Amino acid sequence: MPVPNCSIRKRQPISLDEKKAIIEEARTKSVPEVAVHFNRKYPESTIRTILKDKEKILKAVEEGAESKRARIRAAKHSVLDEALLRWFKDVRSQNIPVDTHTLKAEAVELARMLDIGDFNASEGWASRFKNRHGIVFKQVQGEAGDLDMEAVSDWHQTVLYKELEL
């Protein structure tokens, strides 16, 4: 039976944009003043937790994490994740189209090179990778040709090996 005259606050996720706004307000105000600024929408304990994790939050915002996202989750294989993201950015900067199948194939190849045995490039993994890094596959307009496997191989030899010191 519900208790009368008791205000129960429903838990709601706080987006990265909102967390960033709280952090910016807290630079010049105390925690109770920040709570008042946001009309007591967030309890002081929540504001303190956000301030405790502010480095992670600001880093995620800086790296381009989806601003509507509430949670920041790291990849299971962070070295693979970073290497694949570097490969993706490099290939896209050359106007080479990349689809999910190509991304997964490159991930498997990088996992093999990095000696990661328990990696599975599933559709779910690819979806989470794209969401984590804000990647949206759209049709490339202009003179983008087919994927040049020689350019991919050259990238492995020149960039990846040097950065990962393989």
Protein backbone atom coordinates (compact mmCIF):
# COMPACT_ATOMS: atom_id res chain seq x y z
CA MET A 1 0.00 0.00 0.00
CA PRO A 2 1.47 3.38 -1.00
CA VAL A 3 2.49 5.81 1.71
CA PRO A 4 0.53 9.09 1.52
CA ASN A 5 2.34 12.44 1.37
CA CYS A 6 5.59 10.77 0.34
CA SER A 7 7.31 12.09 -2.75
CA ILE A 8 9.13 9.30 -4.50
CA ARG A 9 11.48 10.44 -7.22
CA LYS A 10 11.58 8.21 -10.28
CA ARG A 11 15.09 7.44 -11.52
CA GLN A 12 15.78 8.85 -14.94
CA PRO A 13 18.96 8.59 -16.99
CA ILE A 14 20.99 11.78 -17.36
CA SER A 15 22.45 12.39 -20.82
CA LEU A 16 26.08 13.37 -21.38
CA ASP A 17 24.92 16.85 -22.41
CA GLU A 18 23.11 17.29 -19.10
CA LYS A 19 26.11 15.94 -17.17
CA LYS A 20 28.39 18.37 -18.98
CA ALA A 21 26.05 21.26 -18.09
CA ILE A 22 26.12 20.19 -14.43
CA ILE A 23 29.94 20.06 -14.48
CA GLU A 24 30.13 23.53 -16.05
CA GLU A 25 27.74 24.96 -13.44
CA ALA A 26 29.74 23.36 -10.63
CA ARG A 27 32.87 25.27 -11.67
CA THR A 28 31.47 28.46 -10.15
CA LYS A 29 28.82 27.17 -7.75
CA SER A 30 28.56 24.81 -4.81
CA VAL A 31 26.69 21.52 -5.11
CA PRO A 32 23.52 22.85 -3.37
CA GLU A 33 23.57 25.90 -5.67
CA VAL A 34 23.88 23.64 -8.72
CA ALA A 35 20.89 21.63 -7.49
CA VAL A 36 18.86 24.85 -7.14
CA HIS A 37 20.01 26.00 -10.60
CA PHE A 38 18.52 22.82 -12.10
CA ASN A 39 15.31 23.27 -10.04
CA ARG A 40 16.27 20.36 -7.80
CA LYS A 41 15.75 18.00 -10.74
CA TYR A 42 18.88 16.12 -9.65
CA PRO A 43 19.62 15.19 -6.02
CA GLU A 44 22.86 16.53 -4.54
CA SER A 45 24.24 13.00 -4.26
CA THR A 46 23.76 12.53 -8.01
CA ILE A 47 25.51 15.83 -8.70
CA ARG A 48 28.42 14.76 -6.47
CA THR A 49 28.68 11.45 -8.35
CA ILE A 50 28.77 13.30 -11.68
CA LEU A 51 31.49 15.62 -10.36
CA LYS A 52 33.48 12.64 -9.09
CA ASP A 53 33.41 11.14 -12.62
CA LYS A 54 33.85 14.43 -14.47
CA GLU A 55 37.15 13.45 -16.16
CA LYS A 56 35.55 10.38 -17.75
CA ILE A 57 32.46 12.36 -18.77
CA LEU A 58 34.42 15.23 -20.32
CA LYS A 59 36.74 12.81 -22.12
CA ALA A 60 33.74 10.96 -23.59
CA VAL A 61 32.19 14.24 -24.75
CA GLU A 62 35.51 15.36 -26.23
CA GLU A 63 35.91 12.07 -28.12
CA GLY A 64 32.53 12.60 -29.72
CA ALA A 65 30.38 10.15 -27.76
CA GLU A 66 26.70 10.35 -28.53
CA SER A 67 25.36 13.27 -26.47
CA LYS A 68 22.04 11.58 -25.70
CA ARG A 69 23.85 8.61 -24.18
CA ALA A 70 23.59 8.24 -20.41
CA ARG A 71 26.18 5.54 -19.74
CA ILE A 72 29.82 5.41 -20.74
CA ARG A 73 30.99 1.87 -21.36
CA ALA A 74 34.45 0.84 -22.44
CA ALA A 75 35.15 -1.81 -25.03
CA LYS A 76 36.22 -5.26 -23.87
CA HIS A 77 39.31 -5.16 -26.10
CA SER A 78 40.32 -1.49 -25.93
CA VAL A 79 43.52 -1.93 -27.98
CA LEU A 80 41.55 -3.54 -30.80
CA ASP A 81 38.87 -0.86 -30.51
CA GLU A 82 41.44 1.95 -30.80
CA ALA A 83 43.29 0.28 -33.69
CA LEU A 84 40.07 -0.33 -35.62
CA LEU A 85 38.91 3.23 -35.06
CA ARG A 86 42.28 4.54 -36.33
CA TRP A 87 41.98 2.27 -39.38
CA PHE A 88 38.40 3.42 -40.00
CA LYS A 89 39.29 7.12 -39.80
CA ASP A 90 42.31 6.65 -42.04
CA VAL A 91 40.37 4.70 -44.68
CA ARG A 92 37.48 7.17 -44.63
CA SER A 93 39.90 10.11 -44.96
CA GLN A 94 40.98 8.51 -48.26
CA ASN A 95 37.33 8.48 -49.39
CA ILE A 96 37.24 4.69 -49.40
CA PRO A 97 33.74 3.39 -48.62
CA VAL A 98 33.43 1.06 -45.63
CA ASP A 99 30.41 -1.07 -44.81
CA THR A 100 29.65 -3.24 -41.78
CA HIS A 101 30.98 -6.38 -43.48
CA THR A 102 34.32 -4.70 -44.25
CA LEU A 103 34.51 -3.29 -40.72
CA LYS A 104 33.94 -6.73 -39.22
CA ALA A 105 36.50 -8.35 -41.55
CA GLU A 106 39.10 -5.75 -40.59
CA ALA A 107 38.29 -6.26 -36.90
CA VAL A 108 38.87 -10.01 -37.23
CA GLU A 109 42.19 -9.37 -39.01
CA LEU A 110 43.32 -6.88 -36.35
CA ALA A 111 42.28 -9.27 -33.56
CA ARG A 112 44.37 -11.99 -35.18
CA MET A 113 47.34 -9.63 -35.48
CA LEU A 114 46.95 -8.53 -31.85
CA ASP A 115 46.62 -12.17 -30.73
CA ILE A 116 43.14 -11.71 -29.25
CA GLY A 117 41.67 -15.20 -29.28
CA ASP A 118 38.23 -14.65 -27.74
CA PHE A 119 37.08 -11.96 -30.19
CA ASN A 120 33.91 -12.45 -32.24
CA ALA A 121 32.95 -9.79 -34.79
CA SER A 122 29.20 -10.32 -34.51
CA GLU A 123 26.47 -7.97 -35.73
CA GLY A 124 25.90 -6.93 -32.11
CA TRP A 125 29.58 -6.11 -31.64
CA ALA A 126 29.59 -4.05 -34.87
CA SER A 127 26.46 -2.19 -33.80
CA ARG A 128 27.95 -1.34 -30.40
CA PHE A 129 31.25 -0.26 -32.01
CA LYS A 130 29.40 2.08 -34.36
CA ASN A 131 27.27 3.49 -31.53
CA ARG A 132 30.27 3.90 -29.24
CA HIS A 133 32.08 6.01 -31.83
CA GLY A 134 29.08 7.71 -33.46
CA ILE A 135 29.66 6.01 -36.81
CA VAL A 136 26.80 6.05 -39.30
CA PHE A 137 27.19 4.33 -42.64
CA LYS A 138 25.79 6.40 -45.45
CA GLN A 139 26.40 6.12 -49.15
CA VAL A 140 29.57 7.96 -50.13
CA GLN A 141 29.00 10.45 -52.95
CA GLY A 142 31.55 11.39 -55.56
CA GLU A 143 34.51 9.44 -56.88
CA ALA A 144 34.69 6.84 -54.13
CA GLY A 145 35.55 3.54 -55.72
CA ASP A 146 35.61 0.01 -54.44
CA LEU A 147 37.64 -0.88 -51.39
CA ASP A 148 41.31 -0.95 -52.35
CA MET A 149 42.76 -3.98 -50.54
CA GLU A 150 46.27 -2.82 -51.42
CA ALA A 151 45.68 0.42 -49.50
CA VAL A 152 44.41 -1.60 -46.52
CA SER A 153 47.50 -3.82 -46.62
CA ASP A 154 49.76 -0.77 -46.91
CA TRP A 155 48.00 0.74 -43.90
CA HIS A 156 48.74 -2.42 -41.88
CA GLN A 157 52.41 -2.22 -42.79
CA THR A 158 53.00 1.51 -42.41
CA VAL A 159 50.65 2.76 -39.70
CA LEU A 160 49.39 -0.08 -37.54
CA TYR A 161 52.68 -1.89 -37.01
CA LYS A 162 54.42 1.34 -36.02
CA GLU A 163 51.70 2.47 -33.62
CA LEU A 164 51.24 -0.90 -31.95
CA GLU A 165 54.95 -1.73 -32.21
CA LEU A 166 54.34 -5.19 -33.65
